[in-house]
């Protein structure tokens, strides 16, 4: 009888299908946790069982001093996603990796994301990437003041925006005439 109980305990979790799980990890250490997980998975020969890690990031582009600056922004700070089969051994290896706080939704056994939850996350990642392609601090019709150069202190209205170049066309009055002036994002401010 004791051997039956032992077998049942060893087989508490057994899912041979690949499913996606969410990990709560130490914020700011997501990349390190992925590296630790990959090393542990390799050492335990679980590469065929744990097949994918995802730490969603988007490129955020902005203008600083006339230069285009691209930096990566984590979409879900403090969380990682992984795709895996699941059993007691995999669960033990993952949850005992340094930096892993818990498998989300799991008290006594890991709970995978539903297909709908995963699709919603992917949709959110894609929408965030589209929105972040260029953070443009201005919109057409904004009243701005020029901060630098010969026209410093002059006010005008934004007529065009060129996100690729990081410039705007501002309609300013010079000698009684409306004149379009091309100016970098960082050389103007909202009034």
C-alpha atoms as a PDB file:
ATOM      1  CA  UNK A   1       0.000   0.000   0.000  1.00  0.00           C
ATOM      2  CA  UNK A   2       2.768   2.441   0.848  1.00  0.00           C
ATOM      3  CA  UNK A   3       4.297   2.021  -2.609  1.00  0.00           C
ATOM      4  CA  UNK A   4       0.989   2.984  -4.289  1.00  0.00           C
ATOM      5  CA  UNK A   5       0.843   6.193  -2.236  1.00  0.00           C
ATOM      6  CA  UNK A   6       4.453   6.985  -3.171  1.00  0.00           C
ATOM      7  CA  UNK A   7       3.678   6.520  -6.879  1.00  0.00           C
ATOM      8  CA  UNK A   8       0.607   8.780  -6.586  1.00  0.00           C
ATOM      9  CA  UNK A   9       2.646  11.504  -4.889  1.00  0.00           C
ATOM     10  CA  UNK A  10       5.359  11.350  -7.559  1.00  0.00           C
ATOM     11  CA  UNK A  11       2.730  11.681 -10.308  1.00  0.00           C
ATOM     12  CA  UNK A  12       0.754  14.527  -8.724  1.00  0.00           C
ATOM     13  CA  UNK A  13       1.342  16.750 -11.740  1.00  0.00           C
ATOM     14  CA  UNK A  14       1.603  15.177 -15.172  1.00  0.00           C
ATOM     15  CA  UNK A  15       0.760  17.156 -18.316  1.00  0.00           C
ATOM     16  CA  UNK A  16       2.456  16.032 -21.518  1.00  0.00           C
ATOM     17  CA  UNK A  17       0.992  18.916 -23.555  1.00  0.00           C
ATOM     18  CA  UNK A  18       2.882  22.163 -24.037  1.00  0.00           C
ATOM     19  CA  UNK A  19       1.132  24.952 -22.163  1.00  0.00           C
ATOM     20  CA  UNK A  20       2.049  28.516 -21.284  1.00  0.00           C
ATOM     21  CA  UNK A  21       2.643  29.580 -17.698  1.00  0.00           C
ATOM     22  CA  UNK A  22       3.297  32.932 -16.014  1.00  0.00           C
ATOM     23  CA  UNK A  23       6.065  33.405 -13.471  1.00  0.00           C
ATOM     24  CA  UNK A  24       6.243  36.177 -10.921  1.00  0.00           C
ATOM     25  CA  UNK A  25       9.921  37.088 -10.636  1.00  0.00           C
ATOM     26  CA  UNK A  26      12.057  39.681  -8.906  1.00  0.00           C
ATOM     27  CA  UNK A  27      11.344  42.963 -10.721  1.00  0.00           C
ATOM     28  CA  UNK A  28      14.303  44.292 -12.672  1.00  0.00           C
ATOM     29  CA  UNK A  29      15.935  40.858 -12.846  1.00  0.00           C
ATOM     30  CA  UNK A  30      13.790  39.298 -15.566  1.00  0.00           C
ATOM     31  CA  UNK A  31      16.704  38.757 -17.968  1.00  0.00           C
ATOM     32  CA  UNK A  32      18.848  37.219 -15.214  1.00  0.00           C
ATOM     33  CA  UNK A  33      16.006  34.897 -14.203  1.00  0.00           C
ATOM     34  CA  UNK A  34      15.602  33.729 -17.832  1.00  0.00           C
ATOM     35  CA  UNK A  35      19.350  33.009 -17.951  1.00  0.00           C
ATOM     36  CA  UNK A  36      19.160  31.095 -14.630  1.00  0.00           C
ATOM     37  CA  UNK A  37      16.143  29.116 -15.852  1.00  0.00           C
ATOM     38  CA  UNK A  38      17.838  28.214 -19.128  1.00  0.00           C
ATOM     39  CA  UNK A  39      20.965  27.028 -17.295  1.00  0.00           C
ATOM     40  CA  UNK A  40      18.932  24.904 -14.880  1.00  0.00           C
ATOM     41  CA  UNK A  41      16.810  23.453 -17.701  1.00  0.00           C
ATOM     42  CA  UNK A  42      20.012  22.510 -19.582  1.00  0.00           C
ATOM     43  CA  UNK A  43      21.620  20.907 -16.512  1.00  0.00           C
ATOM     44  CA  UNK A  44      18.475  18.879 -15.818  1.00  0.00           C
ATOM     45  CA  UNK A  45      18.156  17.786 -19.497  1.00  0.00           C
ATOM     46  CA  UNK A  46      14.676  19.308 -19.737  1.00  0.00           C
ATOM     47  CA  UNK A  47      15.234  21.112 -23.068  1.00  0.00           C
ATOM     48  CA  UNK A  48      12.566  18.999 -24.777  1.00  0.00           C
ATOM     49  CA  UNK A  49      10.046  19.767 -22.030  1.00  0.00           C
ATOM     50  CA  UNK A  50      10.598  23.506 -21.443  1.00  0.00           C
ATOM     51  CA  UNK A  51      10.840  25.021 -24.899  1.00  0.00           C
ATOM     52  CA  UNK A  52      10.309  28.775 -24.712  1.00  0.00           C
ATOM     53  CA  UNK A  53      10.761  31.785 -22.439  1.00  0.00           C
ATOM     54  CA  UNK A  54       9.215  35.168 -23.151  1.00  0.00           C
ATOM     55  CA  UNK A  55      10.102  38.467 -21.501  1.00  0.00           C
ATOM     56  CA  UNK A  56       8.067  40.857 -23.683  1.00  0.00           C
ATOM     57  CA  UNK A  57       9.804  44.140 -24.458  1.00  0.00           C
ATOM     58  CA  UNK A  58       9.068  46.912 -26.915  1.00  0.00           C
ATOM     59  CA  UNK A  59      11.391  49.434 -28.491  1.00  0.00           C
ATOM     60  CA  UNK A  60      10.482  52.925 -27.402  1.00  0.00           C
ATOM     61  CA  UNK A  61      11.816  55.678 -29.642  1.00  0.00           C
ATOM     62  CA  UNK A  62      12.147  59.271 -28.507  1.00  0.00           C
ATOM     63  CA  UNK A  63      14.132  62.353 -29.416  1.00  0.00           C
ATOM     64  CA  UNK A  64      16.887  63.668 -27.128  1.00  0.00           C
ATOM     65  CA  UNK A  65      18.911  66.684 -28.229  1.00  0.00           C
ATOM     66  CA  UNK A  66      17.954  66.143 -31.856  1.00  0.00           C
ATOM     67  CA  UNK A  67      19.042  62.485 -31.793  1.00  0.00           C
ATOM     68  CA  UNK A  68      16.714  59.538 -32.119  1.00  0.00           C
ATOM     69  CA  UNK A  69      17.085  57.353 -29.006  1.00  0.00           C
ATOM     70  CA  UNK A  70      15.742  53.792 -28.873  1.00  0.00           C
ATOM     71  CA  UNK A  71      15.438  52.006 -25.554  1.00  0.00           C
ATOM     72  CA  UNK A  72      13.757  48.772 -24.596  1.00  0.00           C
ATOM     73  CA  UNK A  73      10.836  48.866 -22.204  1.00  0.00           C
ATOM     74  CA  UNK A  74       9.526  45.792 -20.386  1.00  0.00           C
ATOM     75  CA  UNK A  75       5.809  45.334 -20.913  1.00  0.00           C
ATOM     76  CA  UNK A  76       5.255  43.191 -17.835  1.00  0.00           C
ATOM     77  CA  UNK A  77       7.901  44.131 -15.254  1.00  0.00           C
ATOM     78  CA  UNK A  78       8.227  41.364 -12.679  1.00  0.00           C
ATOM     79  CA  UNK A  79       6.698  38.680 -14.908  1.00  0.00           C
ATOM     80  CA  UNK A  80       7.959  36.093 -17.390  1.00  0.00           C
ATOM     81  CA  UNK A  81       6.135  33.609 -19.575  1.00  0.00           C
ATOM     82  CA  UNK A  82       7.283  30.115 -20.433  1.00  0.00           C
ATOM     83  CA  UNK A  83       5.966  27.267 -22.553  1.00  0.00           C
ATOM     84  CA  UNK A  84       6.403  23.827 -21.135  1.00  0.00           C
ATOM     85  CA  UNK A  85       5.106  20.395 -20.437  1.00  0.00           C
ATOM     86  CA  UNK A  86       4.536  20.081 -16.723  1.00  0.00           C
ATOM     87  CA  UNK A  87       5.314  17.516 -14.081  1.00  0.00           C
ATOM     88  CA  UNK A  88       6.524  17.558 -10.477  1.00  0.00           C
ATOM     89  CA  UNK A  89      10.189  17.698 -11.507  1.00  0.00           C
ATOM     90  CA  UNK A  90       9.770  20.623 -13.970  1.00  0.00           C
ATOM     91  CA  UNK A  91       7.641  22.509 -11.444  1.00  0.00           C
ATOM     92  CA  UNK A  92      10.292  21.969  -8.749  1.00  0.00           C
ATOM     93  CA  UNK A  93      13.152  23.126 -11.021  1.00  0.00           C
ATOM     94  CA  UNK A  94      11.279  26.254 -12.195  1.00  0.00           C
ATOM     95  CA  UNK A  95       9.911  27.417  -8.858  1.00  0.00           C
ATOM     96  CA  UNK A  96      13.251  26.909  -7.094  1.00  0.00           C
ATOM     97  CA  UNK A  97      15.243  28.966  -9.606  1.00  0.00           C
ATOM     98  CA  UNK A  98      16.812  32.072  -8.028  1.00  0.00           C
ATOM     99  CA  UNK A  99      14.635  35.111  -8.714  1.00  0.00           C
ATOM    100  CA  UNK A 100      11.425  33.129  -9.280  1.00  0.00           C
ATOM    101  CA  UNK A 101       8.829  34.102  -6.686  1.00  0.00           C
ATOM    102  CA  UNK A 102       5.970  31.886  -7.830  1.00  0.00           C
ATOM    103  CA  UNK A 103       4.103  30.420 -10.757  1.00  0.00           C
ATOM    104  CA  UNK A 104       1.064  32.677 -11.071  1.00  0.00           C
ATOM    105  CA  UNK A 105      -2.193  31.008 -10.124  1.00  0.00           C
ATOM    106  CA  UNK A 106      -0.444  28.092  -8.435  1.00  0.00           C
ATOM    107  CA  UNK A 107      -0.745  27.273  -4.788  1.00  0.00           C
ATOM    108  CA  UNK A 108      -0.386  23.528  -4.933  1.00  0.00           C
ATOM    109  CA  UNK A 109      -0.133  23.003  -8.690  1.00  0.00           C
ATOM    110  CA  UNK A 110       0.762  25.220 -11.695  1.00  0.00           C
ATOM    111  CA  UNK A 111      -2.142  26.731 -13.618  1.00  0.00           C
ATOM    112  CA  UNK A 112      -1.506  27.355 -17.341  1.00  0.00           C
ATOM    113  CA  UNK A 113      -2.801  30.326 -19.293  1.00  0.00           C
ATOM    114  CA  UNK A 114      -5.859  29.667 -21.399  1.00  0.00           C
ATOM    115  CA  UNK A 115      -5.496  30.126 -25.161  1.00  0.00           C
ATOM    116  CA  UNK A 116      -7.661  33.261 -24.884  1.00  0.00           C
ATOM    117  CA  UNK A 117      -5.452  34.741 -22.143  1.00  0.00           C
ATOM    118  CA  UNK A 118      -2.345  34.082 -24.234  1.00  0.00           C
ATOM    119  CA  UNK A 119      -3.919  35.616 -27.360  1.00  0.00           C
ATOM    120  CA  UNK A 120      -4.911  38.691 -25.317  1.00  0.00           C
ATOM    121  CA  UNK A 121      -1.314  39.074 -24.097  1.00  0.00           C
ATOM    122  CA  UNK A 122       0.092  38.774 -27.635  1.00  0.00           C
ATOM    123  CA  UNK A 123      -2.461  41.327 -28.882  1.00  0.00           C
ATOM    124  CA  UNK A 124      -1.436  43.693 -26.064  1.00  0.00           C
ATOM    125  CA  UNK A 125       2.255  43.257 -26.960  1.00  0.00           C
ATOM    126  CA  UNK A 126       1.559  44.018 -30.639  1.00  0.00           C
ATOM    127  CA  UNK A 127      -0.567  47.081 -29.810  1.00  0.00           C
ATOM    128  CA  UNK A 128       2.100  48.379 -27.433  1.00  0.00           C
ATOM    129  CA  UNK A 129       4.769  47.958 -30.123  1.00  0.00           C
ATOM    130  CA  UNK A 130       2.678  49.890 -32.653  1.00  0.00           C
ATOM    131  CA  UNK A 131       2.071  52.722 -30.171  1.00  0.00           C
ATOM    132  CA  UNK A 132       5.692  52.916 -29.074  1.00  0.00           C
ATOM    133  CA  UNK A 133       7.294  53.183 -32.497  1.00  0.00           C
ATOM    134  CA  UNK A 134       7.712  56.885 -31.811  1.00  0.00           C
ATOM    135  CA  UNK A 135       6.607  58.805 -28.775  1.00  0.00           C
ATOM    136  CA  UNK A 136       5.588  62.099 -30.303  1.00  0.00           C
ATOM    137  CA  UNK A 137       4.994  64.699 -27.639  1.00  0.00           C
ATOM    138  CA  UNK A 138       3.041  66.974 -30.006  1.00  0.00           C
ATOM    139  CA  UNK A 139       0.000  66.887 -32.273  1.00  0.00           C
ATOM    140  CA  UNK A 140      -1.166  68.988 -35.199  1.00  0.00           C
ATOM    141  CA  UNK A 141      -2.541  72.366 -34.129  1.00  0.00           C
ATOM    142  CA  UNK A 142      -0.548  72.567 -30.872  1.00  0.00           C
ATOM    143  CA  UNK A 143       0.625  76.038 -29.911  1.00  0.00           C
ATOM    144  CA  UNK A 144       4.351  75.871 -29.191  1.00  0.00           C
ATOM    145  CA  UNK A 145       7.199  78.199 -28.323  1.00  0.00           C
ATOM    146  CA  UNK A 146      10.623  77.945 -29.944  1.00  0.00           C
ATOM    147  CA  UNK A 147      13.296  77.490 -27.241  1.00  0.00           C
ATOM    148  CA  UNK A 148      16.504  77.848 -29.292  1.00  0.00           C
ATOM    149  CA  UNK A 149      18.056  79.734 -32.188  1.00  0.00           C
ATOM    150  CA  UNK A 150      17.211  83.010 -33.934  1.00  0.00           C
ATOM    151  CA  UNK A 151      13.477  82.543 -33.347  1.00  0.00           C
ATOM    152  CA  UNK A 152      13.791  81.827 -29.612  1.00  0.00           C
ATOM    153  CA  UNK A 153      10.675  82.998 -27.778  1.00  0.00           C
ATOM    154  CA  UNK A 154       8.534  82.989 -30.944  1.00  0.00           C
ATOM    155  CA  UNK A 155       5.205  81.172 -30.764  1.00  0.00           C
ATOM    156  CA  UNK A 156       3.600  79.230 -33.580  1.00  0.00           C
ATOM    157  CA  UNK A 157       1.191  76.444 -34.478  1.00  0.00           C
ATOM    158  CA  UNK A 158       2.327  72.952 -35.535  1.00  0.00           C
ATOM    159  CA  UNK A 159       1.271  72.322 -39.148  1.00  0.00           C
ATOM    160  CA  UNK A 160       3.148  69.057 -39.879  1.00  0.00           C
ATOM    161  CA  UNK A 161       4.920  66.337 -37.883  1.00  0.00           C
ATOM    162  CA  UNK A 162       7.724  64.155 -39.252  1.00  0.00           C
ATOM    163  CA  UNK A 163       8.213  61.427 -36.647  1.00  0.00           C
ATOM    164  CA  UNK A 164      10.942  59.728 -38.684  1.00  0.00           C
ATOM    165  CA  UNK A 165      13.146  62.840 -38.628  1.00  0.00           C
ATOM    166  CA  UNK A 166      11.947  64.089 -35.246  1.00  0.00           C
ATOM    167  CA  UNK A 167      10.903  67.440 -36.658  1.00  0.00           C
ATOM    168  CA  UNK A 168       7.788  69.591 -36.909  1.00  0.00           C
ATOM    169  CA  UNK A 169       6.751  72.379 -39.240  1.00  0.00           C
ATOM    170  CA  UNK A 170       5.657  75.344 -37.153  1.00  0.00           C
ATOM    171  CA  UNK A 171       3.762  78.255 -38.707  1.00  0.00           C
ATOM    172  CA  UNK A 172       5.261  81.437 -37.185  1.00  0.00           C
ATOM    173  CA  UNK A 173       4.706  85.101 -37.926  1.00  0.00           C
ATOM    174  CA  UNK A 174       7.826  86.827 -39.276  1.00  0.00           C
ATOM    175  CA  UNK A 175       7.559  90.465 -40.366  1.00  0.00           C
ATOM    176  CA  UNK A 176       3.770  90.223 -40.500  1.00  0.00           C
ATOM    177  CA  UNK A 177       3.753  87.072 -42.674  1.00  0.00           C
ATOM    178  CA  UNK A 178       2.997  83.477 -41.731  1.00  0.00           C
ATOM    179  CA  UNK A 179       6.113  81.451 -42.425  1.00  0.00           C
ATOM    180  CA  UNK A 180       6.614  77.687 -42.055  1.00  0.00           C
ATOM    181  CA  UNK A 181       9.731  76.753 -40.061  1.00  0.00           C
ATOM    182  CA  UNK A 182      11.119  73.224 -39.645  1.00  0.00           C
ATOM    183  CA  UNK A 183      12.253  72.608 -36.066  1.00  0.00           C
ATOM    184  CA  UNK A 184      13.455  69.576 -34.059  1.00  0.00           C
ATOM    185  CA  UNK A 185      11.130  68.217 -31.338  1.00  0.00           C
ATOM    186  CA  UNK A 186      13.562  69.144 -28.592  1.00  0.00           C
ATOM    187  CA  UNK A 187      13.804  72.798 -29.676  1.00  0.00           C
ATOM    188  CA  UNK A 188      10.152  73.588 -28.937  1.00  0.00           C
ATOM    189  CA  UNK A 189       7.787  73.331 -25.981  1.00  0.00           C
ATOM    190  CA  UNK A 190       4.032  73.451 -25.546  1.00  0.00           C
ATOM    191  CA  UNK A 191       2.605  76.812 -24.516  1.00  0.00           C
END
